[in-house]
């Protein structure tokens, strides 16, 4: 895979996905969208990978959409965001390691991750209303955070700092700048110690059941539980518990 805007490294079972347009503050252009989609598809299909760490190279995580080429005169929304649509089918965990500015579309891909850690100087901002633009994923925000916080980001277009983001549940952890990647690596390594069948089954359940009623959720639960509980990982986990040893998970 030939990439120009992303650094994609596979280190044992961990995929390192780094936005790599530092001269543009990792602003998202068409190439970056497309390449990120290709990376997520590869991550999903590579059975040797168990978890991904998403980060940004340079002065900030992501400055949002690259508007240097202007915006279309006539716009028709078609839902064509290949990078986001790829992650909806990724049931392996994604950890976002955030620093400095997380703006616009950068906030969208950060919130698309499962676990988010940030440095103390990180801020989150959706400035689109200042330019007459309605933030495209606004309908999703009340599902991710309290309504009042979603309104603060979307309707006031004001920045939210790392501590406030943590307080309202947007972040899992705030760490010093020099510990950001080490903490992301620690979390990734912890996930690698666990059964990939169980971890991915639980994420699949969360993703698919997020907006369903109880009977539909119960149907998804039955499907995932039957698959996981009859897997080799579950059998190996039982043997390891009885034999008081570390489980050796399957690689399939």
Protein backbone atom coordinates (compact mmCIF):
# COMPACT_ATOMS: atom_id res chain seq x y z
CA UNK A 1 0.00 0.00 0.00
CA UNK A 2 1.50 3.31 -1.10
CA UNK A 3 0.62 6.16 1.27
CA UNK A 4 1.54 9.85 1.12
CA UNK A 5 -0.55 11.38 3.94
CA UNK A 6 -0.49 8.60 6.54
CA UNK A 7 2.25 6.62 8.27
CA UNK A 8 0.97 3.07 8.74
CA UNK A 9 3.15 0.74 10.80
CA UNK A 10 2.44 -2.77 12.04
CA UNK A 11 4.33 -3.60 15.22
CA UNK A 12 3.44 -7.13 16.26
CA UNK A 13 -0.31 -7.03 16.95
CA UNK A 14 -0.57 -3.23 17.12
CA UNK A 15 -1.26 -0.98 14.13
CA UNK A 16 0.12 2.56 14.40
CA UNK A 17 -1.88 4.97 12.21
CA UNK A 18 -0.39 8.48 12.09
CA UNK A 19 -1.90 11.42 10.19
CA UNK A 20 1.07 12.78 8.24
CA UNK A 21 0.42 16.25 6.82
CA UNK A 22 2.25 18.21 9.51
CA UNK A 23 2.85 21.18 7.20
CA UNK A 24 -0.96 21.51 6.94
CA UNK A 25 -1.59 20.64 10.61
CA UNK A 26 -2.93 17.29 9.37
CA UNK A 27 -5.93 18.97 7.75
CA UNK A 28 -8.09 16.42 5.94
CA UNK A 29 -8.05 16.54 2.14
CA UNK A 30 -9.41 13.99 -0.36
CA UNK A 31 -6.17 12.01 -0.39
CA UNK A 32 -6.06 11.72 3.39
CA UNK A 33 -9.71 10.65 3.50
CA UNK A 34 -9.08 7.96 0.90
CA UNK A 35 -5.85 6.71 2.42
CA UNK A 36 -7.33 6.54 5.90
CA UNK A 37 -10.16 4.44 4.47
CA UNK A 38 -7.63 2.08 2.88
CA UNK A 39 -5.72 1.79 6.15
CA UNK A 40 -8.85 0.97 8.18
CA UNK A 41 -9.83 -1.67 5.61
CA UNK A 42 -6.38 -3.26 5.86
CA UNK A 43 -6.47 -3.12 9.66
CA UNK A 44 -9.86 -4.80 9.67
CA UNK A 45 -8.79 -7.61 7.35
CA UNK A 46 -5.33 -8.34 8.80
CA UNK A 47 -5.92 -11.11 11.33
CA UNK A 48 -2.51 -10.52 12.95
CA UNK A 49 -3.59 -7.07 14.18
CA UNK A 50 -5.62 -6.70 17.38
CA UNK A 51 -5.69 -2.97 18.11
CA UNK A 52 -4.81 0.37 16.46
CA UNK A 53 -3.35 3.61 17.82
CA UNK A 54 -4.46 6.71 15.87
CA UNK A 55 -2.35 9.87 16.29
CA UNK A 56 -1.21 12.97 14.43
CA UNK A 57 2.32 13.98 13.48
CA UNK A 58 3.59 17.47 14.21
CA UNK A 59 2.10 20.37 16.12
CA UNK A 60 -1.46 19.06 16.47
CA UNK A 61 -3.66 16.02 15.96
CA UNK A 62 -5.83 17.48 13.18
CA UNK A 63 -6.94 20.97 12.16
CA UNK A 64 -10.12 19.70 10.49
CA UNK A 65 -11.07 19.81 6.83
CA UNK A 66 -8.61 21.36 4.39
CA UNK A 67 -10.59 24.32 3.01
CA UNK A 68 -7.66 25.88 1.16
CA UNK A 69 -9.24 24.88 -2.15
CA UNK A 70 -12.55 26.47 -1.25
CA UNK A 71 -15.95 24.81 -0.98
CA UNK A 72 -18.28 23.67 -3.79
CA UNK A 73 -20.75 26.21 -5.16
CA UNK A 74 -23.56 23.65 -5.09
CA UNK A 75 -23.35 20.95 -2.43
CA UNK A 76 -25.26 17.67 -2.33
CA UNK A 77 -24.72 15.44 0.69
CA UNK A 78 -24.25 11.82 -0.35
CA UNK A 79 -22.79 10.33 2.82
CA UNK A 80 -19.50 9.65 1.03
CA UNK A 81 -16.97 9.68 3.83
CA UNK A 82 -14.97 6.53 3.16
CA UNK A 83 -12.77 6.68 6.24
CA UNK A 84 -15.67 6.93 8.67
CA UNK A 85 -17.70 4.28 6.85
CA UNK A 86 -14.75 1.90 7.15
CA UNK A 87 -14.53 2.24 10.92
CA UNK A 88 -18.20 1.37 11.32
CA UNK A 89 -17.23 -2.16 10.26
CA UNK A 90 -14.07 -2.37 12.37
CA UNK A 91 -14.70 -4.33 15.55
CA UNK A 92 -11.08 -4.22 16.66
CA UNK A 93 -10.42 -1.48 19.25
CA UNK A 94 -9.04 1.89 18.12
CA UNK A 95 -7.20 4.13 20.59
CA UNK A 96 -6.95 7.84 19.73
CA UNK A 97 -3.87 9.63 21.12
CA UNK A 98 -4.71 13.33 20.89
CA UNK A 99 -2.64 16.47 21.33
CA UNK A 100 -3.01 20.21 20.80
CA UNK A 101 -5.86 21.05 18.36
CA UNK A 102 -8.62 18.55 17.54
CA UNK A 103 -10.80 20.52 15.15
CA UNK A 104 -13.78 19.83 12.90
CA UNK A 105 -13.40 16.58 11.01
CA UNK A 106 -10.46 15.76 13.28
CA UNK A 107 -12.90 15.68 16.18
CA UNK A 108 -15.17 13.37 14.21
CA UNK A 109 -12.44 10.78 13.62
CA UNK A 110 -11.29 11.15 17.25
CA UNK A 111 -14.80 10.44 18.54
CA UNK A 112 -14.97 7.50 16.15
CA UNK A 113 -12.27 5.80 18.23
CA UNK A 114 -13.16 3.58 21.18
CA UNK A 115 -10.67 4.91 23.74
CA UNK A 116 -9.40 8.50 23.78
CA UNK A 117 -6.44 9.88 25.68
CA UNK A 118 -5.15 13.43 25.38
CA UNK A 119 -2.47 15.79 26.59
CA UNK A 120 -3.29 18.58 29.01
CA UNK A 121 -3.11 21.26 26.28
CA UNK A 122 -5.58 19.53 23.95
CA UNK A 123 -8.68 21.46 22.89
CA UNK A 124 -11.72 20.42 20.87
CA UNK A 125 -13.46 22.79 18.49
CA UNK A 126 -16.17 22.73 15.82
CA UNK A 127 -15.81 26.13 14.14
CA UNK A 128 -17.96 25.38 11.09
CA UNK A 129 -20.89 27.72 11.97
CA UNK A 130 -18.45 30.65 11.79
CA UNK A 131 -18.19 29.94 8.06
CA UNK A 132 -21.83 29.13 7.41
CA UNK A 133 -21.26 25.37 7.50
CA UNK A 134 -23.40 22.90 9.45
CA UNK A 135 -21.15 20.30 11.06
CA UNK A 136 -21.90 17.11 9.13
CA UNK A 137 -21.86 14.60 12.03
CA UNK A 138 -23.89 16.87 14.36
CA UNK A 139 -26.71 14.32 14.58
CA UNK A 140 -24.34 11.82 16.20
CA UNK A 141 -23.03 14.07 18.95
CA UNK A 142 -25.95 13.68 21.42
CA UNK A 143 -25.35 9.91 21.25
CA UNK A 144 -21.73 10.36 22.29
CA UNK A 145 -22.01 13.04 24.98
CA UNK A 146 -24.66 14.90 27.03
CA UNK A 147 -27.00 17.13 25.03
CA UNK A 148 -25.76 20.31 26.73
CA UNK A 149 -22.12 19.56 25.86
CA UNK A 150 -23.04 18.70 22.28
CA UNK A 151 -24.85 22.04 22.09
CA UNK A 152 -21.84 23.87 23.51
CA UNK A 153 -19.63 22.44 20.78
CA UNK A 154 -22.12 22.66 17.92
CA UNK A 155 -24.27 25.73 18.59
CA UNK A 156 -21.78 28.06 20.30
CA UNK A 157 -18.76 26.93 18.28
CA UNK A 158 -16.61 27.34 21.38
CA UNK A 159 -13.52 25.40 22.31
CA UNK A 160 -13.67 22.72 24.98
CA UNK A 161 -10.47 22.04 26.90
CA UNK A 162 -9.07 18.64 27.84
CA UNK A 163 -10.21 18.77 31.47
CA UNK A 164 -13.79 19.66 30.55
CA UNK A 165 -13.76 16.97 27.85
CA UNK A 166 -12.63 14.45 30.44
CA UNK A 167 -15.22 15.62 32.99
CA UNK A 168 -18.10 15.08 30.53
CA UNK A 169 -16.86 11.70 29.31
CA UNK A 170 -15.31 12.58 25.95
CA UNK A 171 -11.90 11.37 27.14
CA UNK A 172 -10.71 8.34 29.06
CA UNK A 173 -7.53 9.92 30.37
CA UNK A 174 -5.38 13.07 30.37
CA UNK A 175 -1.61 12.56 30.43
CA UNK A 176 1.52 14.75 30.24
CA UNK A 177 2.68 15.40 26.68
CA UNK A 178 5.78 13.23 26.98
CA UNK A 179 3.69 10.27 28.17
CA UNK A 180 0.98 10.32 25.47
CA UNK A 181 2.28 7.62 23.14
CA UNK A 182 3.61 5.50 25.99
CA UNK A 183 0.16 5.45 27.59
CA UNK A 184 -1.48 4.61 24.26
CA UNK A 185 1.03 1.79 23.83
CA UNK A 186 0.33 0.52 27.36
CA UNK A 187 -3.40 0.39 26.67
CA UNK A 188 -2.82 -1.33 23.34
CA UNK A 189 -0.58 -3.92 24.95
CA UNK A 190 -3.25 -4.60 27.57
CA UNK A 191 -5.81 -5.23 24.83
CA UNK A 192 -3.34 -7.61 23.14
CA UNK A 193 -3.27 -9.72 26.32
CA UNK A 194 -7.02 -10.34 26.10
CA UNK A 195 -8.98 -12.70 23.88
CA UNK A 196 -9.43 -11.01 20.48
CA UNK A 197 -12.59 -13.04 19.90
CA UNK A 198 -14.12 -11.73 23.13
CA UNK A 199 -12.91 -8.12 22.72
CA UNK A 200 -14.09 -7.83 19.12
CA UNK A 201 -17.38 -9.55 19.94
CA UNK A 202 -18.09 -7.03 22.67
CA UNK A 203 -17.25 -4.06 20.45
CA UNK A 204 -19.47 -5.50 17.71
CA UNK A 205 -22.33 -5.75 20.22
CA UNK A 206 -21.85 -2.15 21.34
CA UNK A 207 -21.69 -0.79 17.79
CA UNK A 208 -24.65 -2.71 16.42
CA UNK A 209 -26.89 -2.24 19.46
CA UNK A 210 -26.23 1.45 20.17
CA UNK A 211 -29.61 2.68 18.91
CA UNK A 212 -31.82 -0.41 19.10
CA UNK A 213 -34.67 -1.42 21.39
CA UNK A 214 -34.37 -4.32 23.84
CA UNK A 215 -35.59 -7.18 21.61
CA UNK A 216 -33.17 -6.14 18.83
CA UNK A 217 -30.31 -5.79 21.33
CA UNK A 218 -31.13 -9.23 22.70
CA UNK A 219 -30.94 -10.68 19.18
CA UNK A 220 -27.47 -9.23 18.65
CA UNK A 221 -26.41 -10.44 22.10
CA UNK A 222 -27.52 -13.97 21.26
CA UNK A 223 -25.61 -13.96 17.97
CA UNK A 224 -22.36 -12.68 19.49
CA UNK A 225 -22.57 -14.76 22.66
CA UNK A 226 -23.20 -17.98 20.78
CA UNK A 227 -20.17 -17.28 18.57
CA UNK A 228 -17.81 -16.23 21.37
CA UNK A 229 -18.83 -18.85 23.93
CA UNK A 230 -18.34 -21.65 21.39
CA UNK A 231 -14.97 -20.32 20.20
CA UNK A 232 -11.53 -21.85 20.75
CA UNK A 233 -10.61 -18.75 22.76
CA UNK A 234 -13.31 -19.48 25.33
CA UNK A 235 -12.18 -23.10 25.62
CA UNK A 236 -8.53 -22.05 25.93
CA UNK A 237 -9.48 -19.44 28.55
CA UNK A 238 -11.16 -22.11 30.66
CA UNK A 239 -8.15 -24.42 30.40
CA UNK A 240 -5.75 -21.60 31.29
CA UNK A 241 -7.83 -20.66 34.34
CA UNK A 242 -7.86 -24.23 35.63
CA UNK A 243 -4.15 -24.73 34.90
CA UNK A 244 -3.24 -21.32 36.39
CA UNK A 245 -1.33 -20.10 33.33
CA UNK A 246 -1.49 -17.33 30.72
CA UNK A 247 -3.95 -18.10 27.94
CA UNK A 248 -2.63 -18.56 24.40
CA UNK A 249 -5.22 -16.98 22.16
CA UNK A 250 -5.92 -18.12 18.62
CA UNK A 251 -4.69 -15.94 15.76
CA UNK A 252 -7.68 -16.50 13.47
